[in-house]
Amino acid sequence: MRQGQGKSTIGRALAAGLVVGLIVGACGSPTSSATSSSGAAASAGTAASAGTAASAGTAASAGTAASAGTAASAGTAASAGTAAAMKIPSAPVTINVLDVAGNLQLTKGMIENFKAAHPDIINNVTYATATAPELAGKLQAQQQGGNVQINLVLTGTDGLSAGIKNNLLTKVIPDHQDMFPGLMDNYLAPAADMQGLAQGYGIEVVYYPSGPLYEYNPTKVTTPPTTPAELLAWAKANPGKFEYARPANSGPGRTFLMALPYLLGDKDPTDPVNGWANTWAYLKDLGQYINVYQTGTTATMKDLAAGTVDMIASTTGWYVNPIILGTVPKTTAVGHFDNMTWVTDAQYAVIPGGVSADVLTADLDLIAWMLKPDQQAISYDKGYFYPGPAVKGVTIDMAPADSQAALKGVVPAEFDQWITQFPKKTSLPADAQVTAFDLWDKNIGKK
């Protein structure tokens, strides 16, 4: 394998075993078709439709409690392998789920499995989607009106950050720690670091190493860039042919933004106000050669497929999932920068403030269920947040058969080596992430 440039085509066989198990250190995509972000064929603004069974076609039918080929236990809601006593609401409830991260691709099967196994807790689930920037406004309006209709939110770090900053979320940890025994010990090490970003206001349900990666048309980009300087030079020589989406609503966009301080040697990669001088200067220079900043990742994928651009920012999941879905050609190649640092990513289940006691009970039971290893295996999906599982002990052979078949031959074998080879850092914490997005919107994306 060629190191440094990291060029790969999709005709590589899926490496045996679980990639995540090889990770040592501290994100990562969906890919969510995602966006929001954080991941695969649909950006946060284009999350899986409410009527579509999410995870690689593996959502269990209403009459089936099986998940990922393993019979689900109706009596326990084990949290990542550790049994937690289920609590039963006074009457079965309807849960209205809002997805702002494309997360239903990964978790809808888990939710439907729980509904089938526990009609005494949940009698119906409705699904809706929105973009991450819309989340705070929706929750604020309902909470101020005293009528909270959104019962559970599936979000990336973008929506999580906005929810925490605006005090819109229910504190889960330590307030309901009894529902999640051994939570941190059961997460993969870098996933545990990402759980810390939730500050107790959410529970991480999927994880991936994310990026920064880029994907490109190999017939147009014959010498893939190995450094940000080389990318800038290529963009200057090929104006309008490189693209990344608005970071506040794009997993690849925000990963690219948060990874540049490490690549460019900024003073403090965790401080976008005082520590990113090199990054902001670089993005202004690069912006001279970018025609448009798309509002979500899916739009950049379509531009690449149409030949409008020849190279875009990407992540592991955003590379894999659109190829499986046919959004981009199978000939699309993927690369990385020399000496990169992975900026890891995750998606979370969060509970809006103001839900009823019964809904809160059902939400907690459901989230604990989603951390069971057999349910986590569903998150392999079609690579949207590749690999996907956040907890230990979940291997690819536990995934649904159609997920295994979809991923085979599409996931580059190099992904395993890159994930092991390069260090990992978590995404920015909530306040810093919101600040970085605001600064980008005002100073870079305003054009």
Protein backbone atom coordinates (compact mmCIF):
# COMPACT_ATOMS: atom_id res chain seq x y z
CA MET A 1 0.00 0.00 0.00
CA ARG A 2 1.20 3.47 -0.79
CA GLN A 3 1.57 5.47 2.40
CA GLY A 4 1.31 9.25 2.67
CA GLN A 5 -0.85 9.94 -0.32
CA GLY A 6 -3.32 7.27 0.70
CA LYS A 7 -4.83 6.81 -2.74
CA SER A 8 -7.34 3.99 -2.96
CA THR A 9 -10.02 2.79 -5.30
CA ILE A 10 -13.10 0.98 -4.21
CA GLY A 11 -12.19 -2.33 -5.71
CA ARG A 12 -10.48 -3.41 -2.47
CA ALA A 13 -11.85 -6.22 -0.38
CA LEU A 14 -13.37 -5.44 3.02
CA ALA A 15 -10.72 -6.09 5.63
CA ALA A 16 -11.53 -8.99 7.90
CA GLY A 17 -12.80 -8.23 11.36
CA LEU A 18 -14.03 -5.06 12.94
CA VAL A 19 -12.07 -1.94 12.10
CA VAL A 20 -13.07 -0.29 15.30
CA GLY A 21 -11.46 -2.99 17.32
CA LEU A 22 -8.13 -1.86 15.93
CA ILE A 23 -8.56 1.69 17.08
CA VAL A 24 -6.33 2.90 19.88
CA GLY A 25 -6.75 6.47 21.02
CA ALA A 26 -9.39 9.08 20.93
CA CYS A 27 -14.18 10.10 15.72
CA GLY A 28 -15.61 9.55 13.42
CA SER A 29 -18.85 9.32 10.35
CA PRO A 30 -21.69 8.03 9.15
CA THR A 31 -21.38 8.53 7.55
CA SER A 32 -24.75 9.65 7.55
CA SER A 33 -25.62 10.22 4.06
CA ALA A 34 -24.56 12.49 6.46
CA THR A 35 -24.12 15.24 7.39
CA SER A 36 -24.31 16.08 9.34
CA SER A 37 -23.05 15.51 9.22
CA SER A 38 -20.95 13.59 10.85
CA GLY A 39 -21.52 10.84 7.86
CA ALA A 40 -22.82 8.99 4.66
CA ALA A 41 -25.27 9.34 1.86
CA ALA A 42 -27.62 11.90 3.34
CA SER A 43 -26.44 15.01 5.12
CA ALA A 44 -28.06 16.23 8.29
CA GLY A 45 -30.41 18.09 6.08
CA THR A 46 -31.20 15.01 4.04
CA ALA A 47 -31.57 12.38 6.69
CA ALA A 48 -33.32 9.13 5.86
CA SER A 49 -36.99 9.65 5.21
CA ALA A 50 -39.42 8.74 7.91
CA GLY A 51 -40.91 6.00 5.84
CA THR A 52 -37.71 4.20 5.03
CA ALA A 53 -36.36 1.36 7.12
CA ALA A 54 -33.09 2.78 8.17
CA SER A 55 -30.24 0.49 8.64
CA ALA A 56 -29.18 -1.30 5.51
CA GLY A 57 -32.67 -2.64 5.15
CA THR A 58 -32.41 -4.41 8.48
CA ALA A 59 -35.19 -2.85 10.48
CA ALA A 60 -37.11 -5.69 12.03
CA SER A 61 -40.78 -5.97 11.18
CA ALA A 62 -43.25 -4.99 13.84
CA GLY A 63 -43.86 -8.59 14.69
CA THR A 64 -40.20 -9.50 15.08
CA ALA A 65 -37.90 -8.78 17.99
CA ALA A 66 -34.78 -10.12 16.28
CA SER A 67 -31.92 -7.78 15.60
CA ALA A 68 -28.89 -8.44 13.43
CA GLY A 69 -29.92 -12.05 13.28
CA THR A 70 -29.86 -12.43 17.07
CA ALA A 71 -33.02 -12.96 19.07
CA ALA A 72 -33.64 -9.94 21.25
CA SER A 73 -34.40 -10.48 24.87
CA ALA A 74 -37.77 -9.10 25.82
CA GLY A 75 -36.89 -9.01 29.49
CA THR A 76 -33.80 -6.85 29.62
CA ALA A 77 -32.50 -3.60 28.24
CA ALA A 78 -28.86 -4.43 28.72
CA SER A 79 -26.60 -1.43 28.39
CA ALA A 80 -23.69 -2.44 26.18
CA GLY A 81 -23.78 -5.92 27.59
CA THR A 82 -24.48 -5.02 31.22
CA ALA A 83 -28.05 -5.73 32.36
CA ALA A 84 -30.07 -2.77 33.56
CA ALA A 85 -33.51 -3.12 35.07
CA MET A 86 -36.16 -1.82 32.74
CA LYS A 87 -38.63 0.72 34.01
CA ILE A 88 -42.20 0.58 32.80
CA PRO A 89 -44.25 3.73 32.19
CA SER A 90 -47.75 3.98 33.60
CA ALA A 91 -49.08 3.33 30.10
CA PRO A 92 -47.45 2.64 26.72
CA VAL A 93 -46.41 5.85 24.98
CA THR A 94 -45.87 7.18 21.49
CA ILE A 95 -42.34 8.38 20.83
CA ASN A 96 -41.88 11.13 18.26
CA VAL A 97 -38.30 10.91 16.99
CA LEU A 98 -36.55 13.80 15.23
CA ASP A 99 -33.42 12.92 13.27
CA VAL A 100 -31.07 15.80 12.43
CA ALA A 101 -28.05 13.67 11.56
CA GLY A 102 -29.13 10.99 9.09
CA ASN A 103 -28.92 8.66 12.07
CA LEU A 104 -32.06 6.69 11.28
CA GLN A 105 -30.07 4.88 8.61
CA LEU A 106 -28.13 3.36 11.47
CA THR A 107 -30.61 3.08 14.30
CA LYS A 108 -34.17 2.81 13.01
CA GLY A 109 -33.87 -0.97 13.03
CA MET A 110 -32.88 -0.85 16.70
CA ILE A 111 -35.88 1.33 17.52
CA GLU A 112 -38.31 -0.88 15.64
CA ASN A 113 -36.88 -3.94 17.38
CA PHE A 114 -37.51 -2.35 20.76
CA LYS A 115 -41.05 -1.39 19.84
CA ALA A 116 -41.77 -4.98 18.77
CA ALA A 117 -40.21 -6.48 21.89
CA HIS A 118 -41.76 -4.03 24.38
CA PRO A 119 -45.32 -3.01 23.50
CA ASP A 120 -45.81 -2.39 27.21
CA ILE A 121 -43.42 0.55 26.93
CA ILE A 122 -43.88 1.94 23.41
CA ASN A 123 -47.03 1.52 21.34
CA ASN A 124 -46.01 3.69 18.41
CA VAL A 125 -43.04 5.56 16.99
CA THR A 126 -43.17 8.43 14.51
CA TYR A 127 -40.17 9.73 12.59
CA ALA A 128 -39.32 13.16 11.25
CA THR A 129 -36.15 14.77 9.91
CA ALA A 130 -34.68 18.26 9.95
CA THR A 131 -31.29 19.89 9.63
CA ALA A 132 -29.04 20.35 12.63
CA PRO A 133 -29.25 24.18 12.51
CA GLU A 134 -33.05 23.91 12.75
CA LEU A 135 -33.03 21.87 15.95
CA ALA A 136 -32.62 24.62 18.54
CA GLY A 137 -35.43 26.72 17.08
CA LYS A 138 -37.85 23.80 16.98
CA LEU A 139 -37.16 22.79 20.58
CA GLN A 140 -37.26 26.35 21.87
CA ALA A 141 -40.64 27.00 20.26
CA GLN A 142 -42.18 23.87 21.76
CA GLN A 143 -40.69 24.40 25.20
CA GLN A 144 -41.74 28.04 25.35
CA GLY A 145 -45.25 27.01 24.33
CA GLY A 146 -45.36 24.34 27.02
CA ASN A 147 -46.10 21.63 24.46
CA VAL A 148 -43.06 19.46 23.78
CA GLN A 149 -43.95 17.12 20.93
CA ILE A 150 -40.40 16.06 20.02
CA ASN A 151 -39.67 13.20 22.42
CA LEU A 152 -36.25 11.99 21.28
CA VAL A 153 -33.60 13.57 19.06
CA LEU A 154 -30.91 11.75 17.10
CA THR A 155 -28.10 14.20 16.48
CA GLY A 156 -24.46 14.66 15.67
CA THR A 157 -22.12 16.92 17.59
CA ASP A 158 -23.55 19.97 15.82
CA GLY A 159 -27.10 19.60 17.14
CA LEU A 160 -25.78 18.36 20.47
CA SER A 161 -23.67 21.49 20.84
CA ALA A 162 -26.58 23.79 20.05
CA GLY A 163 -28.86 21.92 22.46
CA ILE A 164 -26.38 22.16 25.31
CA LYS A 165 -25.56 25.81 24.64
CA ASN A 166 -29.25 26.79 24.66
CA ASN A 167 -30.17 24.64 27.69
CA LEU A 168 -32.72 22.62 25.72
CA LEU A 169 -31.86 19.08 26.80
CA THR A 170 -32.59 16.77 29.72
CA LYS A 171 -29.63 15.83 31.90
CA VAL A 172 -29.24 12.05 31.58
CA ILE A 173 -25.93 11.39 33.33
CA PRO A 174 -25.58 11.20 36.30
CA ASP A 175 -29.30 11.76 36.90
CA HIS A 176 -30.23 8.41 35.31
CA GLN A 177 -26.92 6.59 35.61
CA ASP A 178 -28.70 3.48 36.90
CA MET A 179 -30.07 2.88 33.40
CA PHE A 180 -26.56 2.74 31.94
CA PRO A 181 -24.35 0.62 34.23
CA GLY A 182 -20.71 0.48 33.13
CA LEU A 183 -21.40 2.94 30.33
CA MET A 184 -17.90 4.34 29.84
CA ASP A 185 -16.16 1.00 30.30
CA ASN A 186 -18.35 -0.54 27.61
CA TYR A 187 -17.51 2.04 24.95
CA LEU A 188 -14.56 1.66 22.61
CA ALA A 189 -11.78 3.94 23.87
CA PRO A 190 -12.20 6.75 21.30
CA ALA A 191 -15.98 6.44 21.57
CA ALA A 192 -15.71 6.93 25.33
CA ASP A 193 -13.84 10.17 24.64
CA MET A 194 -16.66 11.29 22.37
CA GLN A 195 -19.23 10.48 25.06
CA GLY A 196 -17.46 13.02 27.24
CA LEU A 197 -18.50 15.76 24.80
CA ALA A 198 -22.14 15.12 25.68
CA GLN A 199 -21.56 16.55 29.18
CA GLY A 200 -24.25 14.20 30.46
CA TYR A 201 -26.94 15.56 28.12
CA GLY A 202 -26.96 12.66 25.69
CA ILE A 203 -25.89 9.09 25.13
CA GLU A 204 -23.62 8.19 22.24
CA VAL A 205 -25.19 5.52 20.05
CA VAL A 206 -22.78 5.32 17.08
CA TYR A 207 -19.12 6.25 16.50
CA TYR A 208 -16.60 6.46 13.68
CA PRO A 209 -13.09 7.82 13.07
CA SER A 210 -14.42 10.25 10.43
CA GLY A 211 -11.61 12.15 8.65
CA PRO A 212 -10.20 14.31 7.22
CA LEU A 213 -10.32 12.34 3.99
CA TYR A 214 -11.02 13.53 0.49
CA GLU A 215 -12.45 11.74 -2.50
CA TYR A 216 -11.87 12.51 -6.12
CA ASN A 217 -12.25 11.61 -9.75
CA PRO A 218 -8.97 9.81 -10.53
CA THR A 219 -9.18 10.68 -14.22
CA LYS A 220 -9.13 14.39 -13.30
CA VAL A 221 -6.90 14.34 -10.22
CA THR A 222 -3.87 12.41 -11.35
CA THR A 223 -1.63 13.51 -8.46
CA PRO A 224 -3.70 13.51 -5.27
CA PRO A 225 -2.61 16.10 -2.67
CA THR A 226 -0.64 14.87 0.31
CA THR A 227 -0.69 18.16 2.26
CA PRO A 228 -3.06 21.12 2.64
CA ALA A 229 -0.53 23.22 0.69
CA GLU A 230 -0.77 20.80 -2.22
CA LEU A 231 -4.56 20.93 -2.05
CA LEU A 232 -4.45 24.74 -2.17
CA ALA A 233 -2.11 24.65 -5.16
CA TRP A 234 -4.40 22.17 -6.93
CA ALA A 235 -7.47 24.30 -6.21
CA LYS A 236 -5.70 27.37 -7.56
CA ALA A 237 -4.80 25.51 -10.75
CA ASN A 238 -8.34 24.10 -11.00
CA PRO A 239 -10.66 26.86 -9.74
CA GLY A 240 -14.15 25.74 -8.81
CA LYS A 241 -13.25 22.06 -8.82
CA PHE A 242 -12.81 21.50 -5.06
CA GLU A 243 -15.72 21.67 -2.68
CA TYR A 244 -16.75 21.13 0.93
CA ALA A 245 -20.09 21.86 2.58
CA ARG A 246 -21.01 24.26 5.36
CA PRO A 247 -19.46 22.80 8.56
CA ALA A 248 -22.55 23.51 10.71
CA ASN A 249 -24.50 20.99 8.63
CA SER A 250 -21.91 18.62 7.21
CA GLY A 251 -19.84 15.89 8.82
CA PRO A 252 -17.06 16.07 6.22
CA GLY A 253 -17.23 19.87 6.32
CA ARG A 254 -16.81 20.17 10.05
CA THR A 255 -14.22 17.38 10.17
CA PHE A 256 -12.16 19.21 7.52
CA LEU A 257 -12.51 22.42 9.54
CA MET A 258 -11.48 20.86 12.86
CA ALA A 259 -8.63 18.82 11.35
CA LEU A 260 -6.84 21.71 9.66
CA PRO A 261 -5.41 23.14 12.92
CA TYR A 262 -3.54 19.85 13.45
CA LEU A 263 -2.37 19.67 9.84
CA LEU A 264 -1.28 23.33 9.74
CA GLY A 265 0.45 23.41 13.12
CA ASP A 266 -1.83 25.95 14.73
CA LYS A 267 -1.06 27.17 18.25
CA ASP A 268 -4.08 25.54 19.87
CA PRO A 269 -6.32 23.21 17.81
CA THR A 270 -8.96 23.37 20.56
CA ASP A 271 -9.33 27.18 20.46
CA PRO A 272 -10.90 28.47 17.24
CA VAL A 273 -10.80 32.07 18.47
CA ASN A 274 -7.20 32.49 19.56
CA GLY A 275 -5.49 29.33 18.33
CA TRP A 276 -6.46 28.94 14.65
CA ALA A 277 -4.58 31.74 12.90
CA ASN A 278 -3.16 29.40 10.27
CA THR A 279 -6.47 27.67 9.67
CA TRP A 280 -8.52 30.82 9.12
CA ALA A 281 -5.88 32.26 6.79
CA TYR A 282 -5.75 28.99 4.85
CA LEU A 283 -9.52 28.76 4.48
CA LYS A 284 -9.69 32.33 3.18
CA ASP A 285 -7.04 31.52 0.57
CA LEU A 286 -8.77 28.28 -0.40
CA GLY A 287 -12.12 30.05 -0.61
CA GLN A 288 -10.89 32.11 -3.55
CA TYR A 289 -11.08 28.96 -5.66
CA ILE A 290 -14.38 27.53 -4.36
CA ASN A 291 -17.49 28.49 -6.31
CA VAL A 292 -20.11 27.54 -3.73
CA TYR A 293 -20.34 26.18 -0.20
CA GLN A 294 -23.15 23.66 -0.33
CA THR A 295 -25.57 23.48 2.61
CA GLY A 296 -25.09 19.73 3.08
CA THR A 297 -22.78 16.89 2.16
CA THR A 298 -25.17 15.14 -0.23
CA ALA A 299 -25.03 18.12 -2.56
CA THR A 300 -21.23 17.86 -2.76
CA MET A 301 -21.52 14.17 -3.59
CA LYS A 302 -23.92 14.94 -6.42
CA ASP A 303 -21.57 17.64 -7.71
CA LEU A 304 -18.71 15.13 -7.75
CA ALA A 305 -20.84 12.56 -9.58
CA ALA A 306 -21.97 15.14 -12.15
CA GLY A 307 -18.44 16.37 -12.81
CA THR A 308 -19.22 19.85 -11.49
CA VAL A 309 -16.27 19.35 -9.14
CA ASP A 310 -13.43 16.84 -9.19
CA MET A 311 -12.55 16.62 -5.48
CA ILE A 312 -14.50 17.02 -2.22
CA ALA A 313 -13.95 16.72 1.53
CA SER A 314 -15.02 13.32 2.83
CA THR A 315 -14.93 10.81 5.70
CA THR A 316 -14.82 7.02 5.92
CA GLY A 317 -18.58 6.65 5.85
CA TRP A 318 -19.22 9.38 3.33
CA TYR A 319 -16.87 7.62 0.96
CA VAL A 320 -18.38 4.15 1.41
CA ASN A 321 -22.11 4.82 1.65
CA PRO A 322 -22.68 6.95 -1.48
CA ILE A 323 -20.87 4.33 -3.57
CA ILE A 324 -23.13 1.60 -2.21
CA LEU A 325 -26.19 3.77 -2.84
CA GLY A 326 -25.02 4.68 -6.33
CA THR A 327 -24.74 8.40 -5.61
CA VAL A 328 -21.14 8.50 -6.83
CA PRO A 329 -19.41 6.17 -9.31
CA LYS A 330 -17.55 3.09 -8.15
CA THR A 331 -14.47 4.53 -9.82
CA THR A 332 -14.27 7.31 -7.21
CA ALA A 333 -11.00 7.22 -5.25
CA VAL A 334 -10.20 8.26 -1.68
CA GLY A 335 -7.08 9.73 -0.10
CA HIS A 336 -5.69 11.31 3.05
CA PHE A 337 -3.07 13.90 4.00
CA ASP A 338 0.37 12.98 5.29
CA ASN A 339 0.67 13.01 9.07
CA MET A 340 -3.04 13.56 9.54
CA THR A 341 -4.87 13.45 12.84
CA TRP A 342 -8.27 11.77 12.82
CA VAL A 343 -11.00 14.02 14.18
CA THR A 344 -13.42 11.50 15.58
CA ASP A 345 -17.18 11.81 15.32
CA ALA A 346 -20.25 10.35 16.97
CA GLN A 347 -24.01 10.61 17.02
CA TYR A 348 -26.17 10.77 20.11
CA ALA A 349 -29.65 10.18 21.44
CA VAL A 350 -30.76 13.23 23.40
CA ILE A 351 -34.00 13.92 25.26
CA PRO A 352 -35.54 17.39 25.02
CA GLY A 353 -36.38 19.14 28.25
CA GLY A 354 -40.07 19.14 29.10
CA VAL A 355 -41.07 15.61 28.06
CA SER A 356 -43.50 13.77 30.33
CA ALA A 357 -42.33 11.34 33.00
CA ASP A 358 -43.66 8.38 31.03
CA VAL A 359 -41.93 9.49 27.84
CA LEU A 360 -38.69 10.02 29.74
CA THR A 361 -38.92 6.48 31.13
CA ALA A 362 -39.54 5.03 27.68
CA ASP A 363 -36.71 7.08 26.15
CA LEU A 364 -34.22 5.81 28.71
CA ASP A 365 -35.30 2.21 28.19
CA LEU A 366 -34.98 2.60 24.43
CA ILE A 367 -31.54 4.22 24.55
CA ALA A 368 -30.23 1.48 26.86
CA TRP A 369 -31.56 -1.10 24.40
CA MET A 370 -29.72 0.62 21.53
CA LEU A 371 -26.40 0.00 23.30
CA LYS A 372 -26.84 -3.78 23.37
CA PRO A 373 -24.16 -5.40 21.18
CA ASP A 374 -26.69 -7.21 18.98
CA GLN A 375 -28.48 -3.93 18.32
CA GLN A 376 -25.22 -2.04 17.78
CA ALA A 377 -24.35 -4.47 14.99
CA ILE A 378 -27.16 -2.94 12.95
CA SER A 379 -25.14 0.31 12.75
CA TYR A 380 -22.77 -1.21 10.21
CA ASP A 381 -25.63 -0.39 7.87
CA LYS A 382 -24.39 0.37 4.36
CA GLY A 383 -21.32 2.13 5.65
CA TYR A 384 -22.90 5.50 6.41
CA PHE A 385 -20.96 5.88 9.67
CA TYR A 386 -18.30 3.31 8.93
CA PRO A 387 -17.69 1.27 10.95
CA GLY A 388 -20.52 2.48 13.24
CA PRO A 389 -20.66 0.55 16.54
CA ALA A 390 -19.71 2.55 19.62
CA VAL A 391 -19.42 -0.33 22.11
CA LYS A 392 -16.88 -3.08 22.48
CA GLY A 393 -17.27 -6.57 21.11
CA VAL A 394 -19.36 -5.82 18.01
CA THR A 395 -17.83 -7.45 14.96
CA ILE A 396 -18.77 -7.35 11.29
CA ASP A 397 -19.94 -10.96 11.38
CA MET A 398 -22.69 -9.84 13.81
CA ALA A 399 -24.06 -7.38 11.26
CA PRO A 400 -27.11 -8.25 9.16
CA ALA A 401 -26.27 -10.33 6.10
CA ASP A 402 -27.26 -7.59 3.68
CA SER A 403 -24.96 -5.13 5.45
CA GLN A 404 -22.06 -7.55 5.17
CA ALA A 405 -22.80 -8.10 1.49
CA ALA A 406 -23.08 -4.37 0.77
CA LEU A 407 -19.79 -3.51 2.46
CA LYS A 408 -17.80 -6.34 0.92
CA GLY A 409 -15.55 -5.08 -1.84
CA VAL A 410 -16.41 -1.42 -1.23
CA VAL A 411 -14.56 -0.56 1.98
CA PRO A 412 -10.92 0.04 1.03
CA ALA A 413 -8.52 -2.33 2.77
CA GLU A 414 -6.36 0.73 3.54
CA PHE A 415 -8.97 2.07 5.96
CA ASP A 416 -7.84 -0.43 8.59
CA GLN A 417 -4.24 0.70 8.32
CA TRP A 418 -5.05 4.41 8.30
CA ILE A 419 -7.28 4.07 11.38
CA THR A 420 -4.49 2.30 13.22
CA GLN A 421 -1.68 4.45 11.84
CA PHE A 422 -2.78 7.98 12.68
CA PRO A 423 -3.59 9.58 16.06
CA LYS A 424 -7.15 10.48 17.03
CA LYS A 425 -8.62 13.55 18.67
CA THR A 426 -12.21 14.22 19.59
CA SER A 427 -14.32 16.85 17.92
CA LEU A 428 -14.38 20.23 19.64
CA PRO A 429 -16.50 20.50 22.79
CA ALA A 430 -19.93 22.09 22.46
CA ASP A 431 -19.12 25.76 23.07
CA ALA A 432 -15.97 25.73 20.95
CA GLN A 433 -17.74 23.92 18.14
CA VAL A 434 -20.58 26.45 18.02
CA THR A 435 -18.00 29.23 18.04
CA ALA A 436 -16.05 27.65 15.19
CA PHE A 437 -19.22 27.28 13.11
CA ASP A 438 -20.18 30.91 13.74
CA LEU A 439 -16.73 32.15 12.79
CA TRP A 440 -16.77 30.09 9.61
CA ASP A 441 -20.25 31.34 8.68
CA LYS A 442 -19.25 34.98 9.22
CA ASN A 443 -15.75 34.97 7.79
CA ILE A 444 -15.56 32.17 5.25
CA GLY A 445 -19.01 31.09 4.15
CA LYS A 446 -20.62 34.51 3.87
CA LYS A 447 -19.80 34.68 0.16
